[in-house]
Amino acid sequence: EWPMGTGGGEAEYAIFQSHWPRDMVVRDWESEKFKNRLAGIIQKMGAA
């Protein structure tokens, strides 16, 4: 995610530009699916 809000402070984080994969739920930070994908992308990063 890339913050797109204006005004400084917390207002900067009111709007985000999303860079989530299309098969994931945006802002799903704690689910088991997210944890598995998180570990998976790190493993791919290491392999590459």
All heavy atoms as atom14 arrays in JSON, in Angstrom:
{
  "sequence": "EWPMGTGGGEAEYAIFQSHWPRDMVVRDWESEKFKNRLAGIIQKMGAA",
  "atom14_mask": [
    [1, 1, 1, 1, 1, 1, 1, 1, 1, 0, 0, 0, 0, 0],
    [1, 1, 1, 1, 1, 1, 1, 1, 1, 1, 1, 1, 1, 1],
    [1, 1, 1, 1, 1, 1, 1, 0, 0, 0, 0, 0, 0, 0],
    [1, 1, 1, 1, 1, 1, 1, 1, 0, 0, 0, 0, 0, 0],
    [1, 1, 1, 1, 0, 0, 0, 0, 0, 0, 0, 0, 0, 0],
    [1, 1, 1, 1, 1, 1, 1, 0, 0, 0, 0, 0, 0, 0],
    [1, 1, 1, 1, 0, 0, 0, 0, 0, 0, 0, 0, 0, 0],
    [1, 1, 1, 1, 0, 0, 0, 0, 0, 0, 0, 0, 0, 0],
    [1, 1, 1, 1, 0, 0, 0, 0, 0, 0, 0, 0, 0, 0],
    [1, 1, 1, 1, 1, 1, 1, 1, 1, 0, 0, 0, 0, 0],
    [1, 1, 1, 1, 1, 0, 0, 0, 0, 0, 0, 0, 0, 0],
    [1, 1, 1, 1, 1, 1, 1, 1, 1, 0, 0, 0, 0, 0],
    [1, 1, 1, 1, 1, 1, 1, 1, 1, 1, 1, 1, 0, 0],
    [1, 1, 1, 1, 1, 0, 0, 0, 0, 0, 0, 0, 0, 0],
    [1, 1, 1, 1, 1, 1, 1, 1, 0, 0, 0, 0, 0, 0],
    [1, 1, 1, 1, 1, 1, 1, 1, 1, 1, 1, 0, 0, 0],
    [1, 1, 1, 1, 1, 1, 1, 1, 1, 0, 0, 0, 0, 0],
    [1, 1, 1, 1, 1, 1, 0, 0, 0, 0, 0, 0, 0, 0],
    [1, 1, 1, 1, 1, 1, 1, 1, 1, 1, 0, 0, 0, 0],
    [1, 1, 1, 1, 1, 1, 1, 1, 1, 1, 1, 1, 1, 1],
    [1, 1, 1, 1, 1, 1, 1, 0, 0, 0, 0, 0, 0, 0],
    [1, 1, 1, 1, 1, 1, 1, 1, 1, 1, 1, 0, 0, 0],
    [1, 1, 1, 1, 1, 1, 1, 1, 0, 0, 0, 0, 0, 0],
    [1, 1, 1, 1, 1, 1, 1, 1, 0, 0, 0, 0, 0, 0],
    [1, 1, 1, 1, 1, 1, 1, 0, 0, 0, 0, 0, 0, 0],
    [1, 1, 1, 1, 1, 1, 1, 0, 0, 0, 0, 0, 0, 0],
    [1, 1, 1, 1, 1, 1, 1, 1, 1, 1, 1, 0, 0, 0],
    [1, 1, 1, 1, 1, 1, 1, 1, 0, 0, 0, 0, 0, 0],
    [1, 1, 1, 1, 1, 1, 1, 1, 1, 1, 1, 1, 1, 1],
    [1, 1, 1, 1, 1, 1, 1, 1, 1, 0, 0, 0, 0, 0],
    [1, 1, 1, 1, 1, 1, 0, 0, 0, 0, 0, 0, 0, 0],
    [1, 1, 1, 1, 1, 1, 1, 1, 1, 0, 0, 0, 0, 0],
    [1, 1, 1, 1, 1, 1, 1, 1, 1, 0, 0, 0, 0, 0],
    [1, 1, 1, 1, 1, 1, 1, 1, 1, 1, 1, 0, 0, 0],
    [1, 1, 1, 1, 1, 1, 1, 1, 1, 0, 0, 0, 0, 0],
    [1, 1, 1, 1, 1, 1, 1, 1, 0, 0, 0, 0, 0, 0],
    [1, 1, 1, 1, 1, 1, 1, 1, 1, 1, 1, 0, 0, 0],
    [1, 1, 1, 1, 1, 1, 1, 1, 0, 0, 0, 0, 0, 0],
    [1, 1, 1, 1, 1, 0, 0, 0, 0, 0, 0, 0, 0, 0],
    [1, 1, 1, 1, 0, 0, 0, 0, 0, 0, 0, 0, 0, 0],
    [1, 1, 1, 1, 1, 1, 1, 1, 0, 0, 0, 0, 0, 0],
    [1, 1, 1, 1, 1, 1, 1, 1, 0, 0, 0, 0, 0, 0],
    [1, 1, 1, 1, 1, 1, 1, 1, 1, 0, 0, 0, 0, 0],
    [1, 1, 1, 1, 1, 1, 1, 1, 1, 0, 0, 0, 0, 0],
    [1, 1, 1, 1, 1, 1, 1, 1, 0, 0, 0, 0, 0, 0],
    [1, 1, 1, 1, 0, 0, 0, 0, 0, 0, 0, 0, 0, 0],
    [1, 1, 1, 1, 1, 0, 0, 0, 0, 0, 0, 0, 0, 0],
    [1, 1, 1, 1, 1, 0, 0, 0, 0, 0, 0, 0, 0, 0]
  ],
  "atom14_positions": [
    [[0.82, -1.21, 0.0], [0.0, 0.0, 0.0], [0.86, 1.26, 0.0], [1.92, 1.31, 0.64], [-0.93, 0.01, 1.22], [-1.94, -1.13, 1.2], [-2.96, -1.05, 2.31], [-2.69, -0.35, 3.32], [-4.01, -1.68, 2.17], [0.0, 0.0, 0.0], [0.0, 0.0, 0.0], [0.0, 0.0, 0.0], [0.0, 0.0, 0.0], [0.0, 0.0, 0.0]],
    [[0.34, 2.27, -0.71], [1.02, 3.56, -0.81], [0.04, 4.65, -0.37], [-1.01, 4.81, -0.97], [1.46, 3.82, -2.25], [2.47, 4.91, -2.39], [2.23, 6.24, -2.49], [3.89, 4.76, -2.42], [3.4, 6.94, -2.59], [4.45, 6.05, -2.56], [4.74, 3.66, -2.36], [5.81, 6.28, -2.62], [6.11, 3.89, -2.43], [6.64, 5.18, -2.56]],
    [[0.35, 5.39, 0.69], [-0.57, 6.42, 1.17], [-0.78, 7.52, 0.14], [0.17, 7.98, -0.5], [0.11, 6.97, 2.42], [1.06, 5.9, 2.83], [1.52, 5.26, 1.57], [0.0, 0.0, 0.0], [0.0, 0.0, 0.0], [0.0, 0.0, 0.0], [0.0, 0.0, 0.0], [0.0, 0.0, 0.0], [0.0, 0.0, 0.0], [0.0, 0.0, 0.0]],
    [[-2.04, 7.95, 0.01], [-2.39, 8.98, -0.97], [-3.15, 10.14, -0.33], [-3.63, 11.04, -1.03], [-3.24, 8.36, -2.07], [-2.58, 7.24, -2.84], [-1.12, 7.78, -3.77], [-1.9, 8.74, -5.06], [0.0, 0.0, 0.0], [0.0, 0.0, 0.0], [0.0, 0.0, 0.0], [0.0, 0.0, 0.0], [0.0, 0.0, 0.0], [0.0, 0.0, 0.0]],
    [[-3.28, 10.13, 1.0], [-4.0, 11.19, 1.67], [-3.21, 12.49, 1.69], [-2.0, 12.51, 1.43], [0.0, 0.0, 0.0], [0.0, 0.0, 0.0], [0.0, 0.0, 0.0], [0.0, 0.0, 0.0], [0.0, 0.0, 0.0], [0.0, 0.0, 0.0], [0.0, 0.0, 0.0], [0.0, 0.0, 0.0], [0.0, 0.0, 0.0], [0.0, 0.0, 0.0]],
    [[-3.87, 13.58, 2.01], [-3.23, 14.89, 2.06], [-3.5, 15.54, 3.42], [-4.4, 15.15, 4.15], [-3.76, 15.81, 0.94], [-5.18, 15.94, 1.09], [-3.43, 15.23, -0.43], [0.0, 0.0, 0.0], [0.0, 0.0, 0.0], [0.0, 0.0, 0.0], [0.0, 0.0, 0.0], [0.0, 0.0, 0.0], [0.0, 0.0, 0.0], [0.0, 0.0, 0.0]],
    [[-2.71, 16.53, 3.73], [-2.92, 17.28, 4.95], [-1.97, 16.94, 6.07], [-1.94, 17.63, 7.09], [0.0, 0.0, 0.0], [0.0, 0.0, 0.0], [0.0, 0.0, 0.0], [0.0, 0.0, 0.0], [0.0, 0.0, 0.0], [0.0, 0.0, 0.0], [0.0, 0.0, 0.0], [0.0, 0.0, 0.0], [0.0, 0.0, 0.0], [0.0, 0.0, 0.0]],
    [[-1.18, 15.88, 5.92], [-0.22, 15.51, 6.95], [-0.87, 14.78, 8.11], [-2.1, 14.69, 8.21], [0.0, 0.0, 0.0], [0.0, 0.0, 0.0], [0.0, 0.0, 0.0], [0.0, 0.0, 0.0], [0.0, 0.0, 0.0], [0.0, 0.0, 0.0], [0.0, 0.0, 0.0], [0.0, 0.0, 0.0], [0.0, 0.0, 0.0], [0.0, 0.0, 0.0]],
    [[-0.05, 14.23, 8.98], [-0.56, 13.49, 10.12], [-1.34, 12.27, 9.68], [-1.06, 11.66, 8.64], [0.0, 0.0, 0.0], [0.0, 0.0, 0.0], [0.0, 0.0, 0.0], [0.0, 0.0, 0.0], [0.0, 0.0, 0.0], [0.0, 0.0, 0.0], [0.0, 0.0, 0.0], [0.0, 0.0, 0.0], [0.0, 0.0, 0.0], [0.0, 0.0, 0.0]],
    [[-2.35, 11.92, 10.46], [-3.15, 10.73, 10.16], [-3.92, 10.87, 8.87], [-4.3, 9.87, 8.25], [-4.09, 10.43, 11.32], [-3.39, 9.91, 12.57], [-2.63, 8.61, 12.29], [-3.21, 7.69, 11.68], [-1.45, 8.53, 12.68], [0.0, 0.0, 0.0], [0.0, 0.0, 0.0], [0.0, 0.0, 0.0], [0.0, 0.0, 0.0], [0.0, 0.0, 0.0]],
    [[-4.17, 12.1, 8.43], [-4.91, 12.3, 7.18], [-4.16, 11.72, 5.98], [-4.78, 11.34, 4.98], [-5.17, 13.79, 6.96], [0.0, 0.0, 0.0], [0.0, 0.0, 0.0], [0.0, 0.0, 0.0], [0.0, 0.0, 0.0], [0.0, 0.0, 0.0], [0.0, 0.0, 0.0], [0.0, 0.0, 0.0], [0.0, 0.0, 0.0], [0.0, 0.0, 0.0]],
    [[-2.86, 11.63, 6.09], [-2.06, 11.08, 4.99], [-2.4, 9.61, 4.75], [-2.27, 9.12, 3.63], [-0.57, 11.22, 5.31], [0.34, 10.77, 4.18], [1.8, 11.06, 4.47], [2.13, 11.44, 5.62], [2.63, 10.91, 3.54], [0.0, 0.0, 0.0], [0.0, 0.0, 0.0], [0.0, 0.0, 0.0], [0.0, 0.0, 0.0], [0.0, 0.0, 0.0]],
    [[-2.87, 8.93, 5.81], [-3.14, 7.5, 5.72], [-4.63, 7.19, 5.56], [-5.05, 6.05, 5.72], [-2.58, 6.79, 6.95], [-1.14, 7.16, 7.23], [-0.8, 7.99, 8.29], [-0.12, 6.71, 6.39], [0.51, 8.35, 8.53], [1.2, 7.05, 6.62], [1.51, 7.88, 7.69], [2.82, 8.24, 7.91], [0.0, 0.0, 0.0], [0.0, 0.0, 0.0]],
    [[-5.42, 8.21, 5.22], [-6.85, 8.0, 5.06], [-7.18, 7.32, 3.74], [-8.21, 6.66, 3.6], [-7.6, 9.33, 5.16], [0.0, 0.0, 0.0], [0.0, 0.0, 0.0], [0.0, 0.0, 0.0], [0.0, 0.0, 0.0], [0.0, 0.0, 0.0], [0.0, 0.0, 0.0], [0.0, 0.0, 0.0], [0.0, 0.0, 0.0], [0.0, 0.0, 0.0]],
    [[-6.32, 7.49, 2.77], [-6.53, 6.92, 1.44], [-5.26, 6.17, 1.03], [-4.15, 6.69, 1.22], [-6.85, 8.0, 0.4], [-8.06, 8.84, 0.84], [-7.1, 7.39, -0.97], [-8.32, 10.04, -0.05], [0.0, 0.0, 0.0], [0.0, 0.0, 0.0], [0.0, 0.0, 0.0], [0.0, 0.0, 0.0], [0.0, 0.0, 0.0], [0.0, 0.0, 0.0]],
    [[-5.43, 4.97, 0.49], [-4.29, 4.18, 0.05], [-4.44, 3.79, -1.41], [-5.55, 3.51, -1.88], [-4.17, 2.89, 0.88], [-3.63, 3.1, 2.27], [-4.47, 3.3, 3.34], [-2.26, 3.11, 2.5], [-3.98, 3.49, 4.61], [-1.76, 3.28, 3.77], [-2.62, 3.49, 4.83], [0.0, 0.0, 0.0], [0.0, 0.0, 0.0], [0.0, 0.0, 0.0]],
    [[-3.32, 3.76, -2.1], [-3.27, 3.14, -3.43], [-2.91, 1.68, -3.22], [-1.89, 1.37, -2.58], [-2.23, 3.84, -4.29], [-2.15, 3.32, -5.72], [-1.06, 4.02, -6.5], [0.12, 3.88, -6.2], [-1.46, 4.81, -7.49], [0.0, 0.0, 0.0], [0.0, 0.0, 0.0], [0.0, 0.0, 0.0], [0.0, 0.0, 0.0], [0.0, 0.0, 0.0]],
    [[-3.73, 0.78, -3.74], [-3.55, -0.65, -3.46], [-2.64, -1.31, -4.48], [-2.73, -1.05, -5.68], [-4.91, -1.35, -3.48], [-4.74, -2.75, -3.38], [0.0, 0.0, 0.0], [0.0, 0.0, 0.0], [0.0, 0.0, 0.0], [0.0, 0.0, 0.0], [0.0, 0.0, 0.0], [0.0, 0.0, 0.0], [0.0, 0.0, 0.0], [0.0, 0.0, 0.0]],
    [[-1.77, -2.18, -3.96], [-0.91, -3.0, -4.82], [-1.04, -4.47, -4.42], [-0.11, -5.25, -4.57], [0.54, -2.52, -4.71], [0.75, -1.12, -5.18], [0.92, -0.79, -6.5], [0.78, 0.05, -4.5], [1.09, 0.51, -6.63], [0.99, 1.06, -5.43], [0.0, 0.0, 0.0], [0.0, 0.0, 0.0], [0.0, 0.0, 0.0], [0.0, 0.0, 0.0]],
    [[-2.23, -4.83, -3.93], [-2.5, -6.2, -3.52], [-2.71, -7.1, -4.73], [-3.26, -6.66, -5.75], [-3.74, -6.25, -2.64], [-3.56, -5.68, -1.26], [-3.37, -4.36, -0.95], [-3.58, -6.4, -0.04], [-3.24, -4.22, 0.4], [-3.38, -5.45, 1.01], [-3.73, -7.74, 0.3], [-3.33, -5.81, 2.34], [-3.7, -8.1, 1.64], [-3.49, -7.15, 2.65]],
    [[-2.3, -8.36, -4.65], [-2.61, -9.32, -5.72], [-4.13, -9.46, -5.88], [-4.9, -9.27, -4.93], [-1.98, -10.62, -5.22], [-0.91, -10.19, -4.29], [-1.43, -8.95, -3.62], [0.0, 0.0, 0.0], [0.0, 0.0, 0.0], [0.0, 0.0, 0.0], [0.0, 0.0, 0.0], [0.0, 0.0, 0.0], [0.0, 0.0, 0.0], [0.0, 0.0, 0.0]],
    [[-4.55, -9.81, -7.09], [-5.98, -9.85, -7.4], [-6.71, -10.97, -6.68], [-7.93, -10.91, -6.55], [-6.18, -9.98, -8.91], [-5.51, -11.19, -9.54], [-5.69, -11.19, -11.05], [-4.81, -12.15, -11.7], [-5.09, -13.43, -11.83], [-6.2, -13.92, -11.32], [-4.24, -14.24, -12.44], [0.0, 0.0, 0.0], [0.0, 0.0, 0.0], [0.0, 0.0, 0.0]],
    [[-6.02, -11.99, -6.22], [-6.69, -13.09, -5.53], [-6.6, -12.97, -4.01], [-6.79, -13.96, -3.3], [-6.15, -14.44, -6.0], [-4.68, -14.64, -5.64], [-4.01, -13.63, -5.33], [-4.21, -15.79, -5.66], [0.0, 0.0, 0.0], [0.0, 0.0, 0.0], [0.0, 0.0, 0.0], [0.0, 0.0, 0.0], [0.0, 0.0, 0.0], [0.0, 0.0, 0.0]],
    [[-6.28, -11.78, -3.5], [-6.23, -11.56, -2.05], [-7.24, -10.47, -1.67], [-7.58, -9.6, -2.49], [-4.82, -11.16, -1.59], [-3.78, -12.26, -1.78], [-2.1, -11.75, -1.31], [-2.27, -11.58, 0.46], [0.0, 0.0, 0.0], [0.0, 0.0, 0.0], [0.0, 0.0, 0.0], [0.0, 0.0, 0.0], [0.0, 0.0, 0.0], [0.0, 0.0, 0.0]],
    [[-7.7, -10.51, -0.45], [-8.63, -9.51, 0.06], [-7.84, -8.3, 0.55], [-6.96, -8.44, 1.42], [-9.49, -10.08, 1.2], [-10.42, -9.0, 1.76], [-10.29, -11.28, 0.71], [0.0, 0.0, 0.0], [0.0, 0.0, 0.0], [0.0, 0.0, 0.0], [0.0, 0.0, 0.0], [0.0, 0.0, 0.0], [0.0, 0.0, 0.0], [0.0, 0.0, 0.0]],
    [[-8.11, -7.13, -0.01], [-7.38, -5.93, 0.35], [-7.53, -5.62, 1.84], [-8.62, -5.69, 2.4], [-7.87, -4.73, -0.5], [-7.19, -3.44, -0.05], [-7.57, -4.99, -1.97], [0.0, 0.0, 0.0], [0.0, 0.0, 0.0], [0.0, 0.0, 0.0], [0.0, 0.0, 0.0], [0.0, 0.0, 0.0], [0.0, 0.0, 0.0], [0.0, 0.0, 0.0]],
    [[-6.39, -5.33, 2.48], [-6.33, -4.96, 3.9], [-6.68, -6.11, 4.83], [-7.0, -5.89, 6.0], [-7.19, -3.73, 4.2], [-6.99, -2.56, 3.27], [-6.94, -1.23, 4.0], [-5.6, -0.96, 4.54], [-5.37, -0.13, 5.56], [-6.37, 0.45, 6.19], [-4.14, 0.07, 5.97], [0.0, 0.0, 0.0], [0.0, 0.0, 0.0], [0.0, 0.0, 0.0]],
    [[-6.55, -7.31, 4.32], [-6.76, -8.5, 5.17], [-5.42, -8.87, 5.79], [-4.69, -9.72, 5.28], [-7.32, -9.64, 4.3], [-7.43, -10.95, 5.06], [-7.6, -10.88, 6.29], [-7.33, -12.02, 4.43], [0.0, 0.0, 0.0], [0.0, 0.0, 0.0], [0.0, 0.0, 0.0], [0.0, 0.0, 0.0], [0.0, 0.0, 0.0], [0.0, 0.0, 0.0]],
    [[-5.09, -8.22, 6.92], [-3.75, -8.29, 7.47], [-3.52, -9.46, 8.42], [-2.37, -9.75, 8.74], [-3.41, -7.0, 8.24], [-3.42, -5.76, 7.41], [-4.35, -4.76, 7.46], [-2.45, -5.34, 6.45], [-4.02, -3.75, 6.58], [-2.86, -4.08, 5.93], [-1.29, -5.92, 5.95], [-2.15, -3.39, 4.96], [-0.57, -5.23, 4.98], [-1.01, -3.99, 4.5]],
    [[-4.55, -10.14, 8.89], [-4.35, -11.09, 9.97], [-4.89, -12.5, 9.7], [-4.71, -13.38, 10.52], [-5.01, -10.56, 11.26], [-4.37, -9.31, 11.82], [-2.99, -9.57, 12.42], [-2.69, -10.73, 12.75], [-2.21, -8.61, 12.56], [0.0, 0.0, 0.0], [0.0, 0.0, 0.0], [0.0, 0.0, 0.0], [0.0, 0.0, 0.0], [0.0, 0.0, 0.0]],
    [[-5.52, -12.71, 8.55], [-6.12, -14.02, 8.3], [-5.05, -15.08, 8.07], [-3.89, -14.79, 7.76], [-7.05, -13.97, 7.09], [-6.29, -13.83, 5.9], [0.0, 0.0, 0.0], [0.0, 0.0, 0.0], [0.0, 0.0, 0.0], [0.0, 0.0, 0.0], [0.0, 0.0, 0.0], [0.0, 0.0, 0.0], [0.0, 0.0, 0.0], [0.0, 0.0, 0.0]],
    [[-5.46, -16.34, 8.2], [-4.54, -17.44, 7.93], [-4.11, -17.45, 6.47], [-2.96, -17.78, 6.16], [-5.19, -18.77, 8.3], [-5.36, -18.99, 9.79], [-4.03, -18.92, 10.53], [-3.06, -19.54, 10.06], [-3.96, -18.25, 11.57], [0.0, 0.0, 0.0], [0.0, 0.0, 0.0], [0.0, 0.0, 0.0], [0.0, 0.0, 0.0], [0.0, 0.0, 0.0]],
    [[-5.03, -17.09, 5.58], [-4.67, -17.03, 4.16], [-3.57, -16.0, 3.93], [-2.61, -16.25, 3.19], [-5.89, -16.67, 3.32], [-5.6, -16.6, 1.84], [-6.84, -16.27, 1.02], [-6.51, -16.18, -0.47], [-7.72, -15.84, -1.28], [0.0, 0.0, 0.0], [0.0, 0.0, 0.0], [0.0, 0.0, 0.0], [0.0, 0.0, 0.0], [0.0, 0.0, 0.0]],
    [[-3.7, -14.83, 4.59], [-2.68, -13.81, 4.42], [-1.34, -14.29, 4.97], [-0.29, -14.08, 4.35], [-3.09, -12.51, 5.11], [-2.05, -11.44, 5.03], [-1.8, -10.77, 3.85], [-1.27, -11.12, 6.14], [-0.82, -9.79, 3.77], [-0.29, -10.14, 6.08], [-0.06, -9.48, 4.88], [0.0, 0.0, 0.0], [0.0, 0.0, 0.0], [0.0, 0.0, 0.0]],
    [[-1.35, -14.92, 6.14], [-0.1, -15.4, 6.73], [0.59, -16.4, 5.8], [1.81, -16.37, 5.63], [-0.38, -16.03, 8.09], [-0.87, -15.05, 9.13], [-1.33, -15.76, 10.4], [-2.01, -14.82, 11.36], [-2.58, -15.52, 12.54], [0.0, 0.0, 0.0], [0.0, 0.0, 0.0], [0.0, 0.0, 0.0], [0.0, 0.0, 0.0], [0.0, 0.0, 0.0]],
    [[-0.19, -17.29, 5.2], [0.38, -18.27, 4.27], [0.96, -17.59, 3.04], [2.04, -17.97, 2.56], [-0.67, -19.3, 3.88], [-1.06, -20.2, 5.03], [-0.29, -20.42, 5.95], [-2.28, -20.73, 4.99], [0.0, 0.0, 0.0], [0.0, 0.0, 0.0], [0.0, 0.0, 0.0], [0.0, 0.0, 0.0], [0.0, 0.0, 0.0], [0.0, 0.0, 0.0]],
    [[0.23, -16.62, 2.51], [0.73, -15.91, 1.32], [1.96, -15.08, 1.67], [2.88, -14.92, 0.86], [-0.37, -15.02, 0.74], [-1.48, -15.8, 0.05], [-0.99, -16.5, -1.22], [-0.61, -15.57, -2.24], [-1.48, -15.01, -3.09], [-2.78, -15.3, -3.01], [-1.05, -14.19, -4.02], [0.0, 0.0, 0.0], [0.0, 0.0, 0.0], [0.0, 0.0, 0.0]],
    [[1.97, -14.52, 2.87], [3.12, -13.73, 3.32], [4.38, -14.61, 3.36], [5.42, -14.24, 2.82], [2.82, -13.15, 4.7], [3.84, -12.19, 5.3], [3.98, -10.94, 4.45], [3.42, -11.82, 6.73], [0.0, 0.0, 0.0], [0.0, 0.0, 0.0], [0.0, 0.0, 0.0], [0.0, 0.0, 0.0], [0.0, 0.0, 0.0], [0.0, 0.0, 0.0]],
    [[4.26, -15.77, 3.99], [5.41, -16.68, 4.04], [5.78, -17.15, 2.64], [6.97, -17.31, 2.33], [5.08, -17.88, 4.94], [0.0, 0.0, 0.0], [0.0, 0.0, 0.0], [0.0, 0.0, 0.0], [0.0, 0.0, 0.0], [0.0, 0.0, 0.0], [0.0, 0.0, 0.0], [0.0, 0.0, 0.0], [0.0, 0.0, 0.0], [0.0, 0.0, 0.0]],
    [[4.77, -17.33, 1.79], [5.03, -17.81, 0.43], [5.77, -16.81, -0.43], [6.71, -17.17, -1.15], [0.0, 0.0, 0.0], [0.0, 0.0, 0.0], [0.0, 0.0, 0.0], [0.0, 0.0, 0.0], [0.0, 0.0, 0.0], [0.0, 0.0, 0.0], [0.0, 0.0, 0.0], [0.0, 0.0, 0.0], [0.0, 0.0, 0.0], [0.0, 0.0, 0.0]],
    [[5.38, -15.52, -0.36], [6.06, -14.53, -1.19], [7.49, -14.31, -0.72], [8.41, -14.11, -1.52], [5.28, -13.19, -1.22], [5.86, -12.26, -2.3], [5.31, -12.5, 0.13], [5.76, -12.79, -3.7], [0.0, 0.0, 0.0], [0.0, 0.0, 0.0], [0.0, 0.0, 0.0], [0.0, 0.0, 0.0], [0.0, 0.0, 0.0], [0.0, 0.0, 0.0]],
    [[7.72, -14.4, 0.6], [9.08, -14.27, 1.11], [9.95, -15.42, 0.62], [11.12, -15.23, 0.23], [9.06, -14.19, 2.65], [8.35, -12.92, 3.11], [10.49, -14.24, 3.21], [8.05, -12.88, 4.59], [0.0, 0.0, 0.0], [0.0, 0.0, 0.0], [0.0, 0.0, 0.0], [0.0, 0.0, 0.0], [0.0, 0.0, 0.0], [0.0, 0.0, 0.0]],
    [[9.38, -16.62, 0.6], [10.12, -17.77, 0.09], [10.46, -17.59, -1.38], [11.58, -17.89, -1.83], [9.3, -19.04, 0.28], [10.03, -20.32, -0.12], [9.19, -21.56, 0.14], [7.97, -21.51, 0.21], [9.85, -22.7, 0.29], [0.0, 0.0, 0.0], [0.0, 0.0, 0.0], [0.0, 0.0, 0.0], [0.0, 0.0, 0.0], [0.0, 0.0, 0.0]],
    [[9.53, -17.07, -2.17], [9.8, -16.82, -3.59], [10.85, -15.72, -3.77], [11.7, -15.81, -4.67], [8.5, -16.43, -4.3], [7.49, -17.55, -4.41], [6.2, -17.07, -5.07], [5.15, -18.19, -5.12], [3.87, -17.74, -5.71], [0.0, 0.0, 0.0], [0.0, 0.0, 0.0], [0.0, 0.0, 0.0], [0.0, 0.0, 0.0], [0.0, 0.0, 0.0]],
    [[10.79, -14.7, -2.93], [11.8, -13.64, -2.99], [13.19, -14.22, -2.76], [14.15, -13.87, -3.47], [11.5, -12.56, -1.94], [10.28, -11.7, -2.25], [9.69, -10.77, -0.8], [11.16, -9.83, -0.35], [0.0, 0.0, 0.0], [0.0, 0.0, 0.0], [0.0, 0.0, 0.0], [0.0, 0.0, 0.0], [0.0, 0.0, 0.0], [0.0, 0.0, 0.0]],
    [[13.3, -15.1, -1.76], [14.59, -15.71, -1.5], [15.09, -16.56, -2.65], [16.26, -16.5, -3.04], [0.0, 0.0, 0.0], [0.0, 0.0, 0.0], [0.0, 0.0, 0.0], [0.0, 0.0, 0.0], [0.0, 0.0, 0.0], [0.0, 0.0, 0.0], [0.0, 0.0, 0.0], [0.0, 0.0, 0.0], [0.0, 0.0, 0.0], [0.0, 0.0, 0.0]],
    [[14.17, -17.35, -3.24], [14.55, -18.2, -4.37], [15.02, -17.37, -5.56], [15.91, -17.78, -6.32], [13.38, -19.1, -4.75], [0.0, 0.0, 0.0], [0.0, 0.0, 0.0], [0.0, 0.0, 0.0], [0.0, 0.0, 0.0], [0.0, 0.0, 0.0], [0.0, 0.0, 0.0], [0.0, 0.0, 0.0], [0.0, 0.0, 0.0], [0.0, 0.0, 0.0]],
    [[14.42, -16.2, -5.74], [14.75, -15.36, -6.9], [15.95, -14.46, -6.67], [16.75, -14.23, -7.58], [13.53, -14.52, -7.28], [0.0, 0.0, 0.0], [0.0, 0.0, 0.0], [0.0, 0.0, 0.0], [0.0, 0.0, 0.0], [0.0, 0.0, 0.0], [0.0, 0.0, 0.0], [0.0, 0.0, 0.0], [0.0, 0.0, 0.0], [0.0, 0.0, 0.0]]
  ]
}
